[in-house]
């Protein structure tokens, strides 16, 4: 018998909300971002807490190979609140390449 074999069949449970410790829901949304090279529409994976009406976590849904531009990253907020929570206390920050506009990172600004 292999002692760690049972770990492979456990389901991944979402973390609890860091504010109220309630259950978190996962979903996907499309954000709108205006970059120097036009609009981008990155798909985001979002974890929200229905009890707190807050976003708990956000990340890019698709990992792409990074562009070869030798440019710095620009940090922007999404043009429209991509996470439509009633009492949202955080905003989604997106980082994109200053030369080509490729979105490289998404995170919450508390």
N, C-alpha and C. Protein backbone atom coordinates (compact mmCIF):
# COMPACT_ATOMS: atom_id res chain seq x y z
N UNK A 1 0.83 -1.18 0.00
CA UNK A 1 0.00 0.00 0.00
C UNK A 1 0.88 1.24 0.00
N UNK A 2 0.49 2.23 -0.79
CA UNK A 2 1.22 3.48 -0.88
C UNK A 2 0.54 4.49 0.05
N UNK A 3 1.25 5.06 1.04
CA UNK A 3 0.61 5.92 2.03
C UNK A 3 0.02 7.20 1.45
N UNK A 4 0.57 7.73 0.39
CA UNK A 4 0.07 8.99 -0.15
C UNK A 4 -0.93 8.80 -1.29
N UNK A 5 -1.31 7.60 -1.61
CA UNK A 5 -2.20 7.33 -2.75
C UNK A 5 -3.58 7.93 -2.55
N UNK A 6 -4.07 7.99 -1.33
CA UNK A 6 -5.40 8.55 -1.07
C UNK A 6 -5.48 10.04 -1.29
N UNK A 7 -4.37 10.73 -1.24
CA UNK A 7 -4.36 12.18 -1.41
C UNK A 7 -4.76 12.58 -2.83
N UNK A 8 -4.51 11.74 -3.80
CA UNK A 8 -4.79 12.08 -5.19
C UNK A 8 -6.28 12.09 -5.49
N UNK A 9 -7.10 11.43 -4.70
CA UNK A 9 -8.52 11.38 -5.02
C UNK A 9 -9.35 12.37 -4.20
N UNK A 10 -8.73 13.15 -3.31
CA UNK A 10 -9.46 14.17 -2.57
C UNK A 10 -9.83 15.31 -3.48
N UNK A 11 -11.00 15.88 -3.29
CA UNK A 11 -11.39 17.03 -4.09
C UNK A 11 -10.77 18.30 -3.49
N UNK A 12 -10.45 19.24 -4.37
CA UNK A 12 -9.90 20.51 -3.90
C UNK A 12 -11.02 21.37 -3.37
N UNK A 13 -10.92 21.77 -2.14
CA UNK A 13 -11.92 22.61 -1.50
C UNK A 13 -11.44 24.05 -1.56
N UNK A 14 -12.32 24.97 -1.91
CA UNK A 14 -11.95 26.38 -1.94
C UNK A 14 -11.67 26.85 -0.51
N UNK A 15 -10.76 27.80 -0.36
CA UNK A 15 -10.49 28.31 0.99
C UNK A 15 -11.69 29.07 1.53
N UNK A 16 -11.75 29.18 2.84
CA UNK A 16 -12.81 29.97 3.46
C UNK A 16 -12.51 31.45 3.29
N UNK A 17 -13.54 32.27 3.45
CA UNK A 17 -13.40 33.72 3.37
C UNK A 17 -12.50 34.19 4.50
N UNK A 18 -11.50 35.02 4.21
CA UNK A 18 -10.62 35.50 5.28
C UNK A 18 -11.30 36.48 6.23
N UNK A 19 -12.45 37.03 5.83
CA UNK A 19 -13.14 38.00 6.67
C UNK A 19 -14.12 37.32 7.62
N UNK A 20 -15.02 36.49 7.06
CA UNK A 20 -16.08 35.90 7.89
C UNK A 20 -15.92 34.39 8.07
N UNK A 21 -14.94 33.79 7.39
CA UNK A 21 -14.70 32.34 7.42
C UNK A 21 -15.83 31.53 6.78
N UNK A 22 -16.67 32.19 6.01
CA UNK A 22 -17.76 31.51 5.31
C UNK A 22 -17.27 30.85 4.04
N UNK A 23 -18.14 30.07 3.39
CA UNK A 23 -17.76 29.40 2.14
C UNK A 23 -17.58 30.39 1.00
N UNK A 24 -16.67 30.07 0.10
CA UNK A 24 -16.34 30.92 -1.04
C UNK A 24 -16.86 30.26 -2.31
N UNK A 25 -17.34 31.08 -3.25
CA UNK A 25 -17.80 30.59 -4.55
C UNK A 25 -16.80 31.00 -5.62
N UNK A 26 -16.67 30.17 -6.64
CA UNK A 26 -15.76 30.46 -7.75
C UNK A 26 -16.55 30.75 -9.02
N UNK A 27 -16.00 31.61 -9.85
CA UNK A 27 -16.63 31.93 -11.12
C UNK A 27 -15.61 32.54 -12.06
N UNK A 28 -16.03 32.83 -13.26
CA UNK A 28 -15.17 33.45 -14.27
C UNK A 28 -15.89 34.66 -14.84
N UNK A 29 -15.13 35.73 -15.07
CA UNK A 29 -15.69 36.94 -15.66
C UNK A 29 -14.70 37.50 -16.68
N UNK A 30 -15.21 38.33 -17.58
CA UNK A 30 -14.36 39.00 -18.55
C UNK A 30 -14.23 40.46 -18.12
N UNK A 31 -12.99 40.93 -17.96
CA UNK A 31 -12.75 42.32 -17.58
C UNK A 31 -12.52 43.16 -18.83
N UNK A 32 -12.67 44.47 -18.70
CA UNK A 32 -12.38 45.40 -19.79
C UNK A 32 -11.22 46.28 -19.32
N UNK A 33 -10.14 46.29 -20.09
CA UNK A 33 -8.96 47.05 -19.73
C UNK A 33 -8.52 47.89 -20.92
N UNK A 34 -8.31 49.17 -20.69
CA UNK A 34 -7.81 50.06 -21.73
C UNK A 34 -6.30 50.18 -21.57
N UNK A 35 -5.54 49.71 -22.57
CA UNK A 35 -4.08 49.79 -22.53
C UNK A 35 -3.61 50.80 -23.58
N UNK A 36 -2.30 51.04 -23.62
CA UNK A 36 -1.74 51.94 -24.63
C UNK A 36 -1.92 51.39 -26.04
N UNK A 37 -2.14 50.11 -26.17
CA UNK A 37 -2.31 49.47 -27.48
C UNK A 37 -3.75 49.03 -27.74
N UNK A 38 -4.68 49.64 -27.07
CA UNK A 38 -6.09 49.32 -27.30
C UNK A 38 -6.70 48.57 -26.13
N UNK A 39 -7.93 48.18 -26.33
CA UNK A 39 -8.66 47.47 -25.28
C UNK A 39 -8.25 46.01 -25.21
N UNK A 40 -8.23 45.48 -24.02
CA UNK A 40 -7.98 44.07 -23.77
C UNK A 40 -9.14 43.55 -22.95
N UNK A 41 -9.45 42.29 -23.13
CA UNK A 41 -10.57 41.67 -22.43
C UNK A 41 -10.11 40.38 -21.75
N UNK A 42 -9.30 40.50 -20.71
CA UNK A 42 -8.80 39.29 -20.05
C UNK A 42 -9.90 38.55 -19.29
N UNK A 43 -9.85 37.25 -19.36
CA UNK A 43 -10.77 36.40 -18.60
C UNK A 43 -10.15 36.18 -17.23
N UNK A 44 -10.95 36.39 -16.20
CA UNK A 44 -10.47 36.28 -14.82
C UNK A 44 -11.21 35.19 -14.07
N UNK A 45 -10.48 34.45 -13.24
CA UNK A 45 -11.08 33.52 -12.30
C UNK A 45 -11.23 34.26 -10.98
N UNK A 46 -12.43 34.28 -10.44
CA UNK A 46 -12.72 35.07 -9.25
C UNK A 46 -13.32 34.18 -8.18
N UNK A 47 -12.86 34.36 -6.96
CA UNK A 47 -13.47 33.71 -5.81
C UNK A 47 -14.15 34.80 -4.99
N UNK A 48 -15.43 34.62 -4.70
CA UNK A 48 -16.18 35.61 -3.95
C UNK A 48 -16.84 34.98 -2.74
N UNK A 49 -17.11 35.81 -1.75
CA UNK A 49 -17.83 35.37 -0.56
C UNK A 49 -19.23 35.96 -0.63
N UNK A 50 -20.27 35.14 -0.77
CA UNK A 50 -21.63 35.65 -0.84
C UNK A 50 -22.08 36.31 0.47
N UNK A 51 -21.59 35.83 1.58
CA UNK A 51 -22.00 36.39 2.88
C UNK A 51 -21.47 37.81 3.06
N UNK A 52 -20.22 38.05 2.67
CA UNK A 52 -19.60 39.38 2.83
C UNK A 52 -19.82 40.27 1.62
N UNK A 53 -20.25 39.72 0.50
CA UNK A 53 -20.35 40.45 -0.76
C UNK A 53 -18.99 41.01 -1.17
N UNK A 54 -17.95 40.19 -1.03
CA UNK A 54 -16.60 40.62 -1.34
C UNK A 54 -15.89 39.63 -2.26
N UNK A 55 -15.00 40.17 -3.08
CA UNK A 55 -14.08 39.32 -3.82
C UNK A 55 -12.97 38.90 -2.87
N UNK A 56 -12.61 37.63 -2.92
CA UNK A 56 -11.58 37.09 -2.04
C UNK A 56 -10.28 36.91 -2.81
N UNK A 57 -10.39 36.54 -4.08
CA UNK A 57 -9.20 36.25 -4.88
C UNK A 57 -9.53 36.45 -6.35
N UNK A 58 -8.53 36.84 -7.13
CA UNK A 58 -8.69 36.97 -8.58
C UNK A 58 -7.36 36.62 -9.24
N UNK A 59 -7.45 35.98 -10.39
CA UNK A 59 -6.26 35.65 -11.18
C UNK A 59 -6.65 35.50 -12.63
N UNK A 60 -5.67 35.57 -13.52
CA UNK A 60 -5.93 35.38 -14.94
C UNK A 60 -6.36 33.94 -15.19
N UNK A 61 -7.36 33.76 -16.03
CA UNK A 61 -7.87 32.42 -16.31
C UNK A 61 -6.93 31.63 -17.20
N UNK A 62 -6.20 32.31 -18.07
CA UNK A 62 -5.34 31.63 -19.03
C UNK A 62 -3.92 32.14 -18.91
N UNK A 63 -2.97 31.23 -18.78
CA UNK A 63 -1.56 31.59 -18.76
C UNK A 63 -1.04 31.56 -20.18
N UNK A 64 -0.49 32.67 -20.61
CA UNK A 64 0.11 32.76 -21.94
C UNK A 64 1.61 32.90 -21.79
N UNK A 65 2.33 32.53 -22.81
CA UNK A 65 3.76 32.81 -22.82
C UNK A 65 3.93 34.33 -22.89
N UNK A 66 4.81 34.86 -22.07
CA UNK A 66 4.99 36.32 -22.04
C UNK A 66 5.59 36.81 -23.34
N UNK A 67 5.21 38.01 -23.71
CA UNK A 67 5.73 38.62 -24.93
C UNK A 67 7.24 38.86 -24.78
N UNK A 68 7.91 39.11 -25.89
CA UNK A 68 9.35 39.35 -25.89
C UNK A 68 9.70 40.84 -25.86
N UNK A 69 8.72 41.68 -25.58
CA UNK A 69 8.97 43.12 -25.55
C UNK A 69 9.93 43.46 -24.40
N UNK A 70 10.78 44.39 -24.65
CA UNK A 70 11.70 44.86 -23.61
C UNK A 70 11.10 46.14 -23.04
N UNK A 71 9.97 46.00 -22.38
CA UNK A 71 9.25 47.16 -21.86
C UNK A 71 8.82 46.91 -20.42
N UNK A 72 8.52 47.99 -19.73
CA UNK A 72 8.06 47.88 -18.35
C UNK A 72 6.58 47.49 -18.32
N UNK A 73 6.11 47.15 -17.14
CA UNK A 73 4.69 46.83 -16.97
C UNK A 73 3.94 48.07 -16.52
N UNK A 74 2.72 48.21 -17.02
CA UNK A 74 1.84 49.28 -16.59
C UNK A 74 0.77 48.68 -15.69
N UNK A 75 0.41 49.40 -14.67
CA UNK A 75 -0.61 48.94 -13.73
C UNK A 75 -1.85 49.79 -13.92
N UNK A 76 -2.99 49.12 -14.14
CA UNK A 76 -4.25 49.82 -14.36
C UNK A 76 -5.37 49.12 -13.61
N UNK A 77 -6.40 49.87 -13.33
CA UNK A 77 -7.64 49.29 -12.82
C UNK A 77 -8.51 48.97 -14.01
N UNK A 78 -9.34 47.97 -13.89
CA UNK A 78 -10.27 47.63 -14.97
C UNK A 78 -11.19 48.83 -15.21
N UNK A 79 -11.60 49.04 -16.46
CA UNK A 79 -12.44 50.19 -16.80
C UNK A 79 -13.79 50.17 -16.11
N UNK A 80 -14.33 49.00 -15.93
CA UNK A 80 -15.61 48.83 -15.22
C UNK A 80 -15.37 47.83 -14.12
N UNK A 81 -16.07 47.98 -13.02
CA UNK A 81 -15.88 47.05 -11.90
C UNK A 81 -16.19 45.63 -12.38
N UNK A 82 -15.17 44.80 -12.57
CA UNK A 82 -15.42 43.46 -13.12
C UNK A 82 -16.05 42.51 -12.13
N UNK A 83 -15.94 42.81 -10.84
CA UNK A 83 -16.54 41.94 -9.84
C UNK A 83 -17.72 42.68 -9.24
N UNK A 84 -18.91 42.40 -9.69
CA UNK A 84 -20.09 43.19 -9.29
C UNK A 84 -20.63 42.82 -7.91
N UNK A 85 -19.89 43.13 -6.88
CA UNK A 85 -20.35 42.88 -5.52
C UNK A 85 -20.96 44.16 -4.96
N UNK A 86 -22.00 44.03 -4.15
CA UNK A 86 -22.72 45.19 -3.64
C UNK A 86 -21.87 46.07 -2.74
N UNK A 87 -21.07 45.47 -1.88
CA UNK A 87 -20.26 46.24 -0.93
C UNK A 87 -18.77 46.04 -1.21
N UNK A 88 -18.40 46.12 -2.45
CA UNK A 88 -17.03 45.83 -2.84
C UNK A 88 -16.06 46.82 -2.21
N UNK A 89 -15.10 46.33 -1.42
CA UNK A 89 -14.09 47.17 -0.79
C UNK A 89 -12.74 47.03 -1.45
N UNK A 90 -12.67 46.25 -2.50
CA UNK A 90 -11.40 46.02 -3.21
C UNK A 90 -11.61 46.30 -4.69
N UNK A 91 -10.52 46.50 -5.40
CA UNK A 91 -10.60 46.65 -6.85
C UNK A 91 -9.63 45.68 -7.50
N UNK A 92 -9.91 45.34 -8.75
CA UNK A 92 -9.06 44.43 -9.50
C UNK A 92 -8.00 45.26 -10.22
N UNK A 93 -6.74 44.90 -9.99
CA UNK A 93 -5.61 45.58 -10.63
C UNK A 93 -5.06 44.64 -11.69
N UNK A 94 -4.79 45.20 -12.87
CA UNK A 94 -4.24 44.42 -13.97
C UNK A 94 -2.92 45.03 -14.40
N UNK A 95 -1.93 44.20 -14.64
CA UNK A 95 -0.64 44.66 -15.13
C UNK A 95 -0.48 44.19 -16.56
N UNK A 96 -0.06 45.13 -17.44
CA UNK A 96 0.10 44.78 -18.85
C UNK A 96 1.42 45.36 -19.37
N UNK A 97 1.89 44.77 -20.45
CA UNK A 97 3.13 45.22 -21.10
C UNK A 97 2.89 46.61 -21.70
N UNK A 98 3.81 47.54 -21.44
CA UNK A 98 3.66 48.90 -21.95
C UNK A 98 3.81 48.98 -23.46
N UNK A 99 4.48 48.02 -24.07
CA UNK A 99 4.71 48.05 -25.51
C UNK A 99 3.57 47.42 -26.30
N UNK A 100 3.16 46.20 -25.93
CA UNK A 100 2.16 45.50 -26.74
C UNK A 100 0.79 45.39 -26.06
N UNK A 101 0.73 45.63 -24.78
CA UNK A 101 -0.56 45.58 -24.08
C UNK A 101 -0.95 44.22 -23.55
N UNK A 102 -0.08 43.22 -23.67
CA UNK A 102 -0.43 41.88 -23.17
C UNK A 102 -0.64 41.94 -21.66
N UNK A 103 -1.78 41.43 -21.21
CA UNK A 103 -2.08 41.40 -19.79
C UNK A 103 -1.31 40.24 -19.16
N UNK A 104 -0.52 40.56 -18.13
CA UNK A 104 0.34 39.54 -17.53
C UNK A 104 -0.07 39.14 -16.12
N UNK A 105 -0.79 40.00 -15.43
CA UNK A 105 -1.10 39.71 -14.03
C UNK A 105 -2.41 40.38 -13.63
N UNK A 106 -3.12 39.73 -12.72
CA UNK A 106 -4.34 40.29 -12.14
C UNK A 106 -4.32 39.98 -10.65
N UNK A 107 -4.68 40.97 -9.86
CA UNK A 107 -4.73 40.76 -8.42
C UNK A 107 -5.67 41.77 -7.78
N UNK A 108 -6.01 41.56 -6.53
CA UNK A 108 -6.90 42.45 -5.80
C UNK A 108 -6.10 43.51 -5.07
N UNK A 109 -6.60 44.73 -5.09
CA UNK A 109 -6.02 45.83 -4.34
C UNK A 109 -6.96 46.09 -3.16
N UNK A 110 -6.49 45.78 -1.97
CA UNK A 110 -7.34 45.95 -0.77
C UNK A 110 -7.24 47.34 -0.23
